[in-house]
Amino acid sequence: MPNEYESMARALMSSPQGVKIIQGLDKLSAAASSQNGRQLIAMLAGSGSDTLKKAAAAASTTDKDPARVLLSTLLSSKEGAALVAKVIEVIGI
């Protein structure tokens, strides 16, 4: 069985979709290695994780658009707004 999964993984990673995944991981790795990325990771490890948990909990229990609830909950706190700003800064949008 493990060899079968390894073969499937190799086939996926050599496909056009796999190449996109690898390029995305390379970009993510570069962003995480930057100074801003390290700051973002520190924020997530600190109070950011609690802020994300609260926002995710609010989004999971709503009848409204979960993405909007998640974002509005994040932006309603100082920590969440700082986290969103840092994510935007790191990914460059």
N, C-alpha and C. Protein backbone atom coordinates (compact mmCIF):
# COMPACT_ATOMS: atom_id res chain seq x y z
N MET A 1 0.78 -1.20 0.00
CA MET A 1 0.00 0.00 0.00
C MET A 1 0.84 1.28 0.00
N PRO A 2 1.85 1.40 0.88
CA PRO A 2 2.63 2.65 0.88
C PRO A 2 3.23 2.97 -0.48
N ASN A 3 3.69 1.96 -1.21
CA ASN A 3 4.27 2.21 -2.52
C ASN A 3 3.24 2.76 -3.49
N GLU A 4 2.01 2.28 -3.37
CA GLU A 4 0.92 2.75 -4.22
C GLU A 4 0.65 4.23 -3.95
N TYR A 5 0.63 4.63 -2.68
CA TYR A 5 0.41 6.03 -2.32
C TYR A 5 1.57 6.90 -2.77
N GLU A 6 2.78 6.39 -2.63
CA GLU A 6 3.95 7.14 -3.10
C GLU A 6 3.89 7.35 -4.60
N SER A 7 3.46 6.34 -5.34
CA SER A 7 3.34 6.47 -6.79
C SER A 7 2.28 7.50 -7.16
N MET A 8 1.16 7.47 -6.45
CA MET A 8 0.11 8.46 -6.71
C MET A 8 0.60 9.87 -6.38
N ALA A 9 1.34 10.01 -5.29
CA ALA A 9 1.86 11.32 -4.91
C ALA A 9 2.85 11.84 -5.94
N ARG A 10 3.73 10.96 -6.43
CA ARG A 10 4.69 11.37 -7.47
C ARG A 10 3.97 11.79 -8.74
N ALA A 11 2.93 11.05 -9.12
CA ALA A 11 2.15 11.38 -10.32
C ALA A 11 1.47 12.74 -10.16
N LEU A 12 0.90 12.99 -8.98
CA LEU A 12 0.26 14.27 -8.74
C LEU A 12 1.27 15.41 -8.80
N MET A 13 2.40 15.23 -8.14
CA MET A 13 3.38 16.31 -8.07
C MET A 13 4.04 16.59 -9.42
N SER A 14 4.02 15.64 -10.34
CA SER A 14 4.59 15.90 -11.65
C SER A 14 3.55 16.43 -12.64
N SER A 15 2.30 16.48 -12.24
CA SER A 15 1.24 17.01 -13.09
C SER A 15 1.25 18.54 -13.04
N PRO A 16 0.56 19.20 -13.97
CA PRO A 16 0.47 20.67 -13.93
C PRO A 16 -0.10 21.18 -12.61
N GLN A 17 -1.09 20.47 -12.06
CA GLN A 17 -1.66 20.87 -10.78
C GLN A 17 -0.62 20.74 -9.66
N GLY A 18 0.17 19.69 -9.72
CA GLY A 18 1.21 19.50 -8.71
C GLY A 18 2.27 20.58 -8.77
N VAL A 19 2.62 20.99 -9.98
CA VAL A 19 3.59 22.07 -10.15
C VAL A 19 3.05 23.35 -9.52
N LYS A 20 1.74 23.62 -9.70
CA LYS A 20 1.13 24.81 -9.08
C LYS A 20 1.19 24.72 -7.56
N ILE A 21 0.95 23.52 -7.05
CA ILE A 21 1.01 23.33 -5.59
C ILE A 21 2.42 23.61 -5.09
N ILE A 22 3.41 23.07 -5.77
CA ILE A 22 4.80 23.28 -5.36
C ILE A 22 5.17 24.76 -5.43
N GLN A 23 4.75 25.44 -6.50
CA GLN A 23 5.05 26.87 -6.61
C GLN A 23 4.37 27.65 -5.49
N GLY A 24 3.14 27.26 -5.15
CA GLY A 24 2.45 27.90 -4.05
C GLY A 24 3.17 27.68 -2.73
N LEU A 25 3.67 26.46 -2.52
CA LEU A 25 4.42 26.17 -1.30
C LEU A 25 5.73 26.94 -1.26
N ASP A 26 6.37 27.10 -2.42
CA ASP A 26 7.60 27.88 -2.48
C ASP A 26 7.33 29.33 -2.10
N LYS A 27 6.23 29.89 -2.60
CA LYS A 27 5.86 31.27 -2.26
C LYS A 27 5.54 31.39 -0.78
N LEU A 28 4.81 30.41 -0.27
CA LEU A 28 4.46 30.41 1.15
C LEU A 28 5.71 30.31 2.01
N SER A 29 6.63 29.45 1.61
CA SER A 29 7.88 29.28 2.36
C SER A 29 8.69 30.57 2.35
N ALA A 30 8.75 31.22 1.19
CA ALA A 30 9.49 32.49 1.10
C ALA A 30 8.84 33.56 1.98
N ALA A 31 7.50 33.61 1.95
CA ALA A 31 6.80 34.60 2.77
C ALA A 31 7.00 34.32 4.25
N ALA A 32 6.94 33.05 4.65
CA ALA A 32 7.11 32.69 6.06
C ALA A 32 8.53 32.93 6.54
N SER A 33 9.49 32.89 5.63
CA SER A 33 10.89 33.10 6.01
C SER A 33 11.26 34.57 6.10
N SER A 34 10.42 35.43 5.56
CA SER A 34 10.71 36.87 5.60
C SER A 34 10.52 37.40 7.01
N GLN A 35 11.00 38.60 7.25
CA GLN A 35 10.84 39.23 8.56
C GLN A 35 9.36 39.39 8.89
N ASN A 36 8.58 39.86 7.91
CA ASN A 36 7.14 40.02 8.13
C ASN A 36 6.47 38.67 8.39
N GLY A 37 6.90 37.66 7.68
CA GLY A 37 6.35 36.33 7.88
C GLY A 37 6.63 35.80 9.27
N ARG A 38 7.84 36.02 9.74
CA ARG A 38 8.18 35.59 11.10
C ARG A 38 7.36 36.35 12.14
N GLN A 39 7.10 37.64 11.87
CA GLN A 39 6.26 38.42 12.77
C GLN A 39 4.83 37.88 12.77
N LEU A 40 4.35 37.51 11.60
CA LEU A 40 3.00 36.94 11.49
C LEU A 40 2.91 35.63 12.27
N ILE A 41 3.90 34.78 12.11
CA ILE A 41 3.92 33.51 12.84
C ILE A 41 3.93 33.75 14.34
N ALA A 42 4.70 34.74 14.78
CA ALA A 42 4.72 35.08 16.20
C ALA A 42 3.36 35.56 16.68
N MET A 43 2.68 36.36 15.84
CA MET A 43 1.34 36.83 16.20
C MET A 43 0.37 35.65 16.31
N LEU A 44 0.46 34.73 15.37
CA LEU A 44 -0.43 33.56 15.38
C LEU A 44 -0.15 32.68 16.60
N ALA A 45 1.11 32.57 16.96
CA ALA A 45 1.48 31.74 18.11
C ALA A 45 1.03 32.38 19.42
N GLY A 46 0.93 33.70 19.42
CA GLY A 46 0.52 34.42 20.63
C GLY A 46 -0.99 34.57 20.66
N SER A 47 -1.44 35.80 20.78
CA SER A 47 -2.87 36.06 20.91
C SER A 47 -3.63 35.82 19.61
N GLY A 48 -2.93 35.73 18.50
CA GLY A 48 -3.60 35.51 17.22
C GLY A 48 -4.35 34.21 17.17
N SER A 49 -3.83 33.20 17.85
CA SER A 49 -4.51 31.90 17.81
C SER A 49 -5.86 31.97 18.51
N ASP A 50 -5.95 32.67 19.62
CA ASP A 50 -7.23 32.82 20.31
C ASP A 50 -8.20 33.63 19.47
N THR A 51 -7.69 34.67 18.83
CA THR A 51 -8.51 35.53 17.98
C THR A 51 -9.07 34.73 16.81
N LEU A 52 -8.23 33.91 16.20
CA LEU A 52 -8.68 33.08 15.09
C LEU A 52 -9.70 32.04 15.54
N LYS A 53 -9.49 31.46 16.71
CA LYS A 53 -10.43 30.46 17.23
C LYS A 53 -11.81 31.08 17.44
N LYS A 54 -11.83 32.27 18.03
CA LYS A 54 -13.11 32.95 18.27
C LYS A 54 -13.80 33.27 16.95
N ALA A 55 -13.05 33.77 15.98
CA ALA A 55 -13.63 34.12 14.69
C ALA A 55 -14.14 32.87 13.97
N ALA A 56 -13.37 31.79 14.02
CA ALA A 56 -13.79 30.54 13.38
C ALA A 56 -15.04 29.98 14.05
N ALA A 57 -15.11 30.08 15.37
CA ALA A 57 -16.29 29.59 16.09
C ALA A 57 -17.52 30.39 15.69
N ALA A 58 -17.37 31.71 15.58
CA ALA A 58 -18.50 32.55 15.17
C ALA A 58 -18.94 32.21 13.75
N ALA A 59 -17.98 31.99 12.87
CA ALA A 59 -18.30 31.67 11.48
C ALA A 59 -18.97 30.30 11.34
N SER A 60 -18.60 29.37 12.20
CA SER A 60 -19.14 28.01 12.08
C SER A 60 -20.55 27.89 12.62
N THR A 61 -21.01 28.86 13.39
CA THR A 61 -22.33 28.76 14.00
C THR A 61 -23.33 29.75 13.41
N THR A 62 -23.02 30.31 12.26
CA THR A 62 -23.89 31.32 11.68
C THR A 62 -24.69 30.79 10.50
N ASP A 63 -25.85 31.39 10.28
CA ASP A 63 -26.63 31.10 9.08
C ASP A 63 -26.24 32.04 7.95
N LYS A 64 -25.50 33.09 8.30
CA LYS A 64 -25.05 34.07 7.31
C LYS A 64 -23.84 33.53 6.57
N ASP A 65 -23.27 34.33 5.71
CA ASP A 65 -22.07 33.97 4.96
C ASP A 65 -20.90 33.78 5.93
N PRO A 66 -20.41 32.55 6.11
CA PRO A 66 -19.35 32.30 7.10
C PRO A 66 -18.08 33.11 6.85
N ALA A 67 -17.72 33.32 5.59
CA ALA A 67 -16.50 34.08 5.30
C ALA A 67 -16.64 35.52 5.77
N ARG A 68 -17.79 36.11 5.56
CA ARG A 68 -18.01 37.49 6.02
C ARG A 68 -18.01 37.57 7.54
N VAL A 69 -18.64 36.60 8.17
CA VAL A 69 -18.67 36.57 9.64
C VAL A 69 -17.25 36.40 10.19
N LEU A 70 -16.49 35.50 9.57
CA LEU A 70 -15.11 35.28 10.00
C LEU A 70 -14.31 36.57 9.91
N LEU A 71 -14.39 37.24 8.76
CA LEU A 71 -13.62 38.47 8.56
C LEU A 71 -14.11 39.59 9.48
N SER A 72 -15.43 39.76 9.59
CA SER A 72 -15.93 40.84 10.45
C SER A 72 -15.58 40.60 11.92
N THR A 73 -15.60 39.33 12.34
CA THR A 73 -15.21 39.02 13.72
C THR A 73 -13.73 39.30 13.94
N LEU A 74 -12.91 38.93 12.96
CA LEU A 74 -11.47 39.23 13.07
C LEU A 74 -11.23 40.73 13.16
N LEU A 75 -11.91 41.48 12.30
CA LEU A 75 -11.67 42.92 12.24
C LEU A 75 -12.29 43.68 13.41
N SER A 76 -13.14 43.03 14.19
CA SER A 76 -13.78 43.72 15.31
C SER A 76 -12.90 43.80 16.55
N SER A 77 -11.75 43.15 16.53
CA SER A 77 -10.84 43.25 17.67
C SER A 77 -9.50 43.84 17.21
N LYS A 78 -8.80 44.45 18.15
CA LYS A 78 -7.50 45.05 17.83
C LYS A 78 -6.53 43.98 17.35
N GLU A 79 -6.51 42.84 18.04
CA GLU A 79 -5.59 41.75 17.68
C GLU A 79 -5.93 41.18 16.31
N GLY A 80 -7.23 41.00 16.06
CA GLY A 80 -7.66 40.45 14.78
C GLY A 80 -7.34 41.38 13.62
N ALA A 81 -7.57 42.68 13.82
CA ALA A 81 -7.27 43.66 12.77
C ALA A 81 -5.76 43.69 12.49
N ALA A 82 -4.95 43.60 13.55
CA ALA A 82 -3.50 43.57 13.36
C ALA A 82 -3.08 42.32 12.62
N LEU A 83 -3.72 41.21 12.93
CA LEU A 83 -3.41 39.95 12.27
C LEU A 83 -3.76 40.01 10.78
N VAL A 84 -4.93 40.53 10.47
CA VAL A 84 -5.35 40.66 9.07
C VAL A 84 -4.39 41.59 8.33
N ALA A 85 -4.02 42.70 8.95
CA ALA A 85 -3.09 43.64 8.32
C ALA A 85 -1.74 42.97 8.04
N LYS A 86 -1.27 42.15 8.98
CA LYS A 86 0.02 41.48 8.79
C LYS A 86 -0.08 40.43 7.69
N VAL A 87 -1.20 39.71 7.62
CA VAL A 87 -1.37 38.73 6.54
C VAL A 87 -1.35 39.45 5.19
N ILE A 88 -2.05 40.55 5.07
CA ILE A 88 -2.07 41.32 3.83
C ILE A 88 -0.67 41.79 3.48
N GLU A 89 0.07 42.25 4.47
CA GLU A 89 1.43 42.72 4.25
C GLU A 89 2.34 41.58 3.76
N VAL A 90 2.20 40.42 4.38
CA VAL A 90 3.07 39.29 4.03
C VAL A 90 2.77 38.75 2.64
N ILE A 91 1.48 38.64 2.30
CA ILE A 91 1.17 38.06 0.99
C ILE A 91 1.16 39.11 -0.11
N GLY A 92 1.26 40.38 0.26
CA GLY A 92 1.46 41.43 -0.74
C GLY A 92 0.23 41.77 -1.57
N ILE A 93 -0.93 41.81 -0.96
CA ILE A 93 -2.12 42.23 -1.71
C ILE A 93 -2.61 43.57 -1.24
